[in-house]
Amino acid sequence: MADSAEQATPSGGTAASERAHTLRMTLVVIALAAGFAFVPRATQSCGKATGTEEAPDFTASVVANPLDPKRPTITMSALRGHPVVLDFWATWCGPCQAEAPIVNGLAQRFKDKGLVVIGVNTSDAEGLAARYAVKKGLSFPIVYDEGNAIANRYKVDNLPTLIVVSKDGKMVAVRHGVTSDADLERLVRQVL
């Protein structure tokens, strides 16, 4: 009689080979999950901001939560005198979805200190951002980046990307991947 570990299974393999295959696949999934968890954290401090580089100007249509209901656009240069956080994101981006409540909480905590948070919906289909903002309860202004023009100006090639801009319009920090609430707060406190 054959050992039970060597018995044929309905798929044609042995039970031992199927267990080995399952173990290999489990290890691959764990390795991928670890990569997705640690790579953004390892590279998030790899921003290109020097603190001397001027934040590129742009004007974009507000698609959710306008700063002023009478003005349907936001112009970056008009925000001089305020620290600004630009949050580049898309509705299809899982890490962006994870970071959205962090950014929203930060916007609420520091709005009375003059912080302006602008969500820049990029690399996405037009019309999705407004519905997403309502569904997720986002309260900060969101602009639509038509044709990825703003992302290109800021050299954003990874989502999510956060850019912190000082009151005098200089880019002081760039974070790729999900940024923790504590790290983002630390960056914002430096420019308040």
C-alpha atoms as a PDB file:
ATOM      1  CA  MET A   1       0.000   0.000   0.000  1.00  0.00           C
ATOM      2  CA  ALA A   2       1.354   3.446  -0.909  1.00  0.00           C
ATOM      3  CA  ASP A   3       2.190   6.039   1.721  1.00  0.00           C
ATOM      4  CA  SER A   4      -0.690   8.553   2.117  1.00  0.00           C
ATOM      5  CA  ALA A   5       1.700  11.416   1.239  1.00  0.00           C
ATOM      6  CA  GLU A   6       2.310   9.807  -2.142  1.00  0.00           C
ATOM      7  CA  GLN A   7      -1.313   9.104  -3.057  1.00  0.00           C
ATOM      8  CA  ALA A   8      -2.565  10.600  -6.271  1.00  0.00           C
ATOM      9  CA  THR A   9      -4.964  13.529  -5.992  1.00  0.00           C
ATOM     10  CA  PRO A  10      -7.864  14.368  -8.327  1.00  0.00           C
ATOM     11  CA  SER A  11      -5.666  16.934 -10.090  1.00  0.00           C
ATOM     12  CA  GLY A  12      -3.130  14.261 -11.026  1.00  0.00           C
ATOM     13  CA  GLY A  13      -0.336  15.202  -8.586  1.00  0.00           C
ATOM     14  CA  THR A  14       0.579  13.762  -5.257  1.00  0.00           C
ATOM     15  CA  ALA A  15      -0.627  15.211  -1.986  1.00  0.00           C
ATOM     16  CA  ALA A  16       2.975  16.043  -1.019  1.00  0.00           C
ATOM     17  CA  SER A  17       3.633  17.932  -4.265  1.00  0.00           C
ATOM     18  CA  GLU A  18       0.406  19.879  -3.884  1.00  0.00           C
ATOM     19  CA  ARG A  19       1.330  20.849  -0.302  1.00  0.00           C
ATOM     20  CA  ALA A  20       4.757  21.971  -1.500  1.00  0.00           C
ATOM     21  CA  HIS A  21       3.143  24.022  -4.281  1.00  0.00           C
ATOM     22  CA  THR A  22       0.727  25.614  -1.791  1.00  0.00           C
ATOM     23  CA  LEU A  23       3.617  26.444   0.527  1.00  0.00           C
ATOM     24  CA  ARG A  24       5.597  28.052  -2.334  1.00  0.00           C
ATOM     25  CA  MET A  25       2.586  30.121  -3.393  1.00  0.00           C
ATOM     26  CA  THR A  26       1.989  31.226   0.198  1.00  0.00           C
ATOM     27  CA  LEU A  27       5.614  32.361   0.472  1.00  0.00           C
ATOM     28  CA  VAL A  28       5.306  34.293  -2.812  1.00  0.00           C
ATOM     29  CA  VAL A  29       2.170  36.062  -1.536  1.00  0.00           C
ATOM     30  CA  ILE A  30       3.894  36.922   1.755  1.00  0.00           C
ATOM     31  CA  ALA A  31       6.947  38.264  -0.103  1.00  0.00           C
ATOM     32  CA  LEU A  32       4.752  40.405  -2.378  1.00  0.00           C
ATOM     33  CA  ALA A  33       2.770  41.738   0.579  1.00  0.00           C
ATOM     34  CA  ALA A  34       5.985  42.618   2.398  1.00  0.00           C
ATOM     35  CA  GLY A  35       7.279  44.372  -0.709  1.00  0.00           C
ATOM     36  CA  PHE A  36       4.133  46.445  -1.066  1.00  0.00           C
ATOM     37  CA  ALA A  37       4.268  47.312   2.634  1.00  0.00           C
ATOM     38  CA  PHE A  38       7.949  48.219   2.933  1.00  0.00           C
ATOM     39  CA  VAL A  39       9.054  49.587  -0.442  1.00  0.00           C
ATOM     40  CA  PRO A  40       6.895  52.749  -0.259  1.00  0.00           C
ATOM     41  CA  ARG A  41       8.084  53.384   3.304  1.00  0.00           C
ATOM     42  CA  ALA A  42      11.695  52.893   2.297  1.00  0.00           C
ATOM     43  CA  THR A  43      11.408  55.301  -0.605  1.00  0.00           C
ATOM     44  CA  GLN A  44       9.014  57.876   0.818  1.00  0.00           C
ATOM     45  CA  SER A  45      11.856  60.041   2.046  1.00  0.00           C
ATOM     46  CA  CYS A  46      13.375  60.021  -1.441  1.00  0.00           C
ATOM     47  CA  GLY A  47      11.787  63.337  -2.332  1.00  0.00           C
ATOM     48  CA  LYS A  48      13.436  65.787  -4.649  1.00  0.00           C
ATOM     49  CA  ALA A  49      12.506  68.906  -2.672  1.00  0.00           C
ATOM     50  CA  THR A  50      15.403  71.070  -1.522  1.00  0.00           C
ATOM     51  CA  GLY A  51      13.451  73.846   0.147  1.00  0.00           C
ATOM     52  CA  THR A  52      14.724  76.284  -2.459  1.00  0.00           C
ATOM     53  CA  GLU A  53      12.786  75.080  -5.481  1.00  0.00           C
ATOM     54  CA  GLU A  54       9.708  77.128  -6.350  1.00  0.00           C
ATOM     55  CA  ALA A  55       6.427  75.203  -6.458  1.00  0.00           C
ATOM     56  CA  PRO A  56       5.207  75.352 -10.081  1.00  0.00           C
ATOM     57  CA  ASP A  57       2.128  77.494 -10.573  1.00  0.00           C
ATOM     58  CA  PHE A  58      -1.102  76.017 -11.889  1.00  0.00           C
ATOM     59  CA  THR A  59      -4.769  76.845 -12.170  1.00  0.00           C
ATOM     60  CA  ALA A  60      -7.244  73.977 -11.980  1.00  0.00           C
ATOM     61  CA  SER A  61     -10.976  73.438 -11.727  1.00  0.00           C
ATOM     62  CA  VAL A  62     -12.273  72.530  -8.287  1.00  0.00           C
ATOM     63  CA  VAL A  63     -14.427  69.413  -8.479  1.00  0.00           C
ATOM     64  CA  ALA A  64     -15.173  69.037  -4.752  1.00  0.00           C
ATOM     65  CA  ASN A  65     -15.126  71.235  -1.642  1.00  0.00           C
ATOM     66  CA  PRO A  66     -14.144  74.645  -3.063  1.00  0.00           C
ATOM     67  CA  LEU A  67     -12.209  77.058  -0.851  1.00  0.00           C
ATOM     68  CA  ASP A  68     -14.569  79.793  -2.041  1.00  0.00           C
ATOM     69  CA  PRO A  69     -17.905  78.751  -3.617  1.00  0.00           C
ATOM     70  CA  LYS A  70     -17.754  81.859  -5.837  1.00  0.00           C
ATOM     71  CA  ARG A  71     -14.427  80.765  -7.374  1.00  0.00           C
ATOM     72  CA  PRO A  72     -14.538  77.489  -9.320  1.00  0.00           C
ATOM     73  CA  THR A  73     -10.753  77.296  -9.707  1.00  0.00           C
ATOM     74  CA  ILE A  74      -7.647  77.232  -7.525  1.00  0.00           C
ATOM     75  CA  THR A  75      -4.400  78.914  -8.519  1.00  0.00           C
ATOM     76  CA  MET A  76      -1.295  77.797  -6.663  1.00  0.00           C
ATOM     77  CA  SER A  77       0.356  81.233  -6.679  1.00  0.00           C
ATOM     78  CA  ALA A  78      -2.751  82.712  -5.010  1.00  0.00           C
ATOM     79  CA  LEU A  79      -2.058  80.507  -1.977  1.00  0.00           C
ATOM     80  CA  ARG A  80       1.188  82.325  -1.098  1.00  0.00           C
ATOM     81  CA  GLY A  81       1.260  83.110   2.596  1.00  0.00           C
ATOM     82  CA  HIS A  82      -0.261  79.716   3.438  1.00  0.00           C
ATOM     83  CA  PRO A  83       1.510  76.421   3.912  1.00  0.00           C
ATOM     84  CA  VAL A  84       0.104  73.983   1.338  1.00  0.00           C
ATOM     85  CA  VAL A  85      -0.040  70.215   1.057  1.00  0.00           C
ATOM     86  CA  LEU A  86      -0.654  68.878  -2.442  1.00  0.00           C
ATOM     87  CA  ASP A  87      -2.023  65.338  -2.381  1.00  0.00           C
ATOM     88  CA  PHE A  88      -1.684  63.639  -5.795  1.00  0.00           C
ATOM     89  CA  TRP A  89      -4.042  60.649  -5.961  1.00  0.00           C
ATOM     90  CA  ALA A  90      -6.468  58.630  -8.103  1.00  0.00           C
ATOM     91  CA  THR A  91      -9.674  56.768  -7.265  1.00  0.00           C
ATOM     92  CA  TRP A  92      -8.261  53.447  -8.548  1.00  0.00           C
ATOM     93  CA  CYS A  93      -5.124  53.676  -6.373  1.00  0.00           C
ATOM     94  CA  GLY A  94      -5.326  51.418  -3.287  1.00  0.00           C
ATOM     95  CA  PRO A  95      -2.566  53.191  -1.335  1.00  0.00           C
ATOM     96  CA  CYS A  96      -4.263  56.524  -2.137  1.00  0.00           C
ATOM     97  CA  GLN A  97      -7.461  55.166  -0.597  1.00  0.00           C
ATOM     98  CA  ALA A  98      -5.530  54.161   2.523  1.00  0.00           C
ATOM     99  CA  GLU A  99      -3.915  57.611   2.799  1.00  0.00           C
ATOM    100  CA  ALA A 100      -7.096  59.663   2.187  1.00  0.00           C
ATOM    101  CA  PRO A 101      -8.339  59.621   5.814  1.00  0.00           C
ATOM    102  CA  ILE A 102      -4.857  60.618   7.039  1.00  0.00           C
ATOM    103  CA  VAL A 103      -4.785  63.626   4.706  1.00  0.00           C
ATOM    104  CA  ASN A 104      -8.382  64.543   5.563  1.00  0.00           C
ATOM    105  CA  GLY A 105      -7.644  64.431   9.300  1.00  0.00           C
ATOM    106  CA  LEU A 106      -4.568  66.605   8.843  1.00  0.00           C
ATOM    107  CA  ALA A 107      -6.562  69.132   6.791  1.00  0.00           C
ATOM    108  CA  GLN A 108      -9.141  69.391   9.571  1.00  0.00           C
ATOM    109  CA  ARG A 109      -6.607  69.674  12.412  1.00  0.00           C
ATOM    110  CA  PHE A 110      -4.559  72.461  10.833  1.00  0.00           C
ATOM    111  CA  LYS A 111      -7.024  74.495   8.764  1.00  0.00           C
ATOM    112  CA  ASP A 112      -7.368  77.047  11.586  1.00  0.00           C
ATOM    113  CA  LYS A 113      -3.576  77.523  11.481  1.00  0.00           C
ATOM    114  CA  GLY A 114      -3.719  78.460   7.796  1.00  0.00           C
ATOM    115  CA  LEU A 115      -2.856  75.086   6.221  1.00  0.00           C
ATOM    116  CA  VAL A 116      -4.420  74.547   2.804  1.00  0.00           C
ATOM    117  CA  VAL A 117      -4.667  70.953   1.609  1.00  0.00           C
ATOM    118  CA  ILE A 118      -5.421  70.459  -2.080  1.00  0.00           C
ATOM    119  CA  GLY A 119      -6.239  67.040  -3.454  1.00  0.00           C
ATOM    120  CA  VAL A 120      -4.992  66.710  -7.035  1.00  0.00           C
ATOM    121  CA  ASN A 121      -6.985  63.968  -8.754  1.00  0.00           C
ATOM    122  CA  THR A 122      -4.653  62.810 -11.524  1.00  0.00           C
ATOM    123  CA  SER A 123      -4.346  59.842 -13.885  1.00  0.00           C
ATOM    124  CA  ASP A 124      -8.060  59.272 -13.468  1.00  0.00           C
ATOM    125  CA  ALA A 125     -11.254  59.574 -15.487  1.00  0.00           C
ATOM    126  CA  GLU A 126     -12.971  62.937 -15.244  1.00  0.00           C
ATOM    127  CA  GLY A 127     -15.992  63.002 -12.958  1.00  0.00           C
ATOM    128  CA  LEU A 128     -14.891  60.307 -10.504  1.00  0.00           C
ATOM    129  CA  ALA A 129     -13.243  62.534  -7.882  1.00  0.00           C
ATOM    130  CA  ALA A 130     -16.376  64.383  -6.732  1.00  0.00           C
ATOM    131  CA  ARG A 131     -18.316  61.165  -6.098  1.00  0.00           C
ATOM    132  CA  TYR A 132     -15.303  59.644  -4.367  1.00  0.00           C
ATOM    133  CA  ALA A 133     -14.911  62.689  -2.076  1.00  0.00           C
ATOM    134  CA  VAL A 134     -18.549  62.453  -0.996  1.00  0.00           C
ATOM    135  CA  LYS A 135     -18.380  58.678  -0.493  1.00  0.00           C
ATOM    136  CA  LYS A 136     -15.195  58.923   1.624  1.00  0.00           C
ATOM    137  CA  GLY A 137     -16.217  62.091   3.495  1.00  0.00           C
ATOM    138  CA  LEU A 138     -13.257  64.135   2.263  1.00  0.00           C
ATOM    139  CA  SER A 139     -13.572  67.797   3.190  1.00  0.00           C
ATOM    140  CA  PHE A 140     -10.515  69.419   1.596  1.00  0.00           C
ATOM    141  CA  PRO A 141     -10.665  70.995  -1.894  1.00  0.00           C
ATOM    142  CA  ILE A 142     -10.036  68.635  -4.786  1.00  0.00           C
ATOM    143  CA  VAL A 143      -9.009  69.714  -8.271  1.00  0.00           C
ATOM    144  CA  TYR A 144      -9.036  67.646 -11.435  1.00  0.00           C
ATOM    145  CA  ASP A 145      -5.671  67.343 -13.181  1.00  0.00           C
ATOM    146  CA  GLU A 146      -6.737  67.276 -16.804  1.00  0.00           C
ATOM    147  CA  GLY A 147      -4.221  65.462 -18.965  1.00  0.00           C
ATOM    148  CA  ASN A 148      -1.902  65.025 -15.941  1.00  0.00           C
ATOM    149  CA  ALA A 149      -0.596  68.555 -16.552  1.00  0.00           C
ATOM    150  CA  ILE A 150      -0.108  69.377 -12.850  1.00  0.00           C
ATOM    151  CA  ALA A 151       1.488  66.003 -12.085  1.00  0.00           C
ATOM    152  CA  ASN A 152       3.896  66.539 -14.968  1.00  0.00           C
ATOM    153  CA  ARG A 153       4.846  70.012 -13.695  1.00  0.00           C
ATOM    154  CA  TYR A 154       5.605  68.564 -10.270  1.00  0.00           C
ATOM    155  CA  LYS A 155       7.343  65.488 -11.746  1.00  0.00           C
ATOM    156  CA  VAL A 156       4.893  63.145 -10.006  1.00  0.00           C
ATOM    157  CA  ASP A 157       5.241  59.636 -11.368  1.00  0.00           C
ATOM    158  CA  ASN A 158       4.077  57.668  -8.330  1.00  0.00           C
ATOM    159  CA  LEU A 159       0.735  57.663  -6.519  1.00  0.00           C
ATOM    160  CA  PRO A 160       0.081  58.693  -3.883  1.00  0.00           C
ATOM    161  CA  THR A 161       2.535  61.574  -3.707  1.00  0.00           C
ATOM    162  CA  LEU A 162       2.382  64.355  -1.130  1.00  0.00           C
ATOM    163  CA  ILE A 163       4.208  67.643  -1.646  1.00  0.00           C
ATOM    164  CA  VAL A 164       4.558  70.138   1.204  1.00  0.00           C
ATOM    165  CA  VAL A 165       4.950  73.768   0.144  1.00  0.00           C
ATOM    166  CA  SER A 166       6.079  76.534   2.498  1.00  0.00           C
ATOM    167  CA  LYS A 167       4.298  79.867   2.971  1.00  0.00           C
ATOM    168  CA  ASP A 168       6.748  81.479   0.544  1.00  0.00           C
ATOM    169  CA  GLY A 169       5.955  78.952  -2.203  1.00  0.00           C
ATOM    170  CA  LYS A 170       8.986  76.647  -1.879  1.00  0.00           C
ATOM    171  CA  MET A 171       8.705  72.854  -2.057  1.00  0.00           C
ATOM    172  CA  VAL A 172      10.089  71.561   1.224  1.00  0.00           C
ATOM    173  CA  ALA A 173       9.109  67.869   1.175  1.00  0.00           C
ATOM    174  CA  VAL A 174       8.013  65.182  -1.263  1.00  0.00           C
ATOM    175  CA  ARG A 175       6.651  61.847  -0.037  1.00  0.00           C
ATOM    176  CA  HIS A 176       5.877  58.880  -2.290  1.00  0.00           C
ATOM    177  CA  GLY A 177       3.693  56.067  -1.043  1.00  0.00           C
ATOM    178  CA  VAL A 178       1.522  56.086   2.039  1.00  0.00           C
ATOM    179  CA  THR A 179       2.829  58.575   4.595  1.00  0.00           C
ATOM    180  CA  SER A 180       2.005  58.081   8.254  1.00  0.00           C
ATOM    181  CA  ASP A 181      -0.082  60.614  10.124  1.00  0.00           C
ATOM    182  CA  ALA A 182       2.824  61.363  12.476  1.00  0.00           C
ATOM    183  CA  ASP A 183       5.315  61.943   9.635  1.00  0.00           C
ATOM    184  CA  LEU A 184       2.907  64.161   7.721  1.00  0.00           C
ATOM    185  CA  GLU A 185       2.109  66.185  10.842  1.00  0.00           C
ATOM    186  CA  ARG A 186       5.825  66.631  11.530  1.00  0.00           C
ATOM    187  CA  LEU A 187       6.359  67.971   8.002  1.00  0.00           C
ATOM    188  CA  VAL A 188       3.412  70.350   8.253  1.00  0.00           C
ATOM    189  CA  ARG A 189       4.484  71.702  11.635  1.00  0.00           C
ATOM    190  CA  GLN A 190       7.803  72.729  10.033  1.00  0.00           C
ATOM    191  CA  VAL A 191       6.007  75.072   7.617  1.00  0.00           C
ATOM    192  CA  LEU A 192       3.235  76.490   9.825  1.00  0.00           C
END
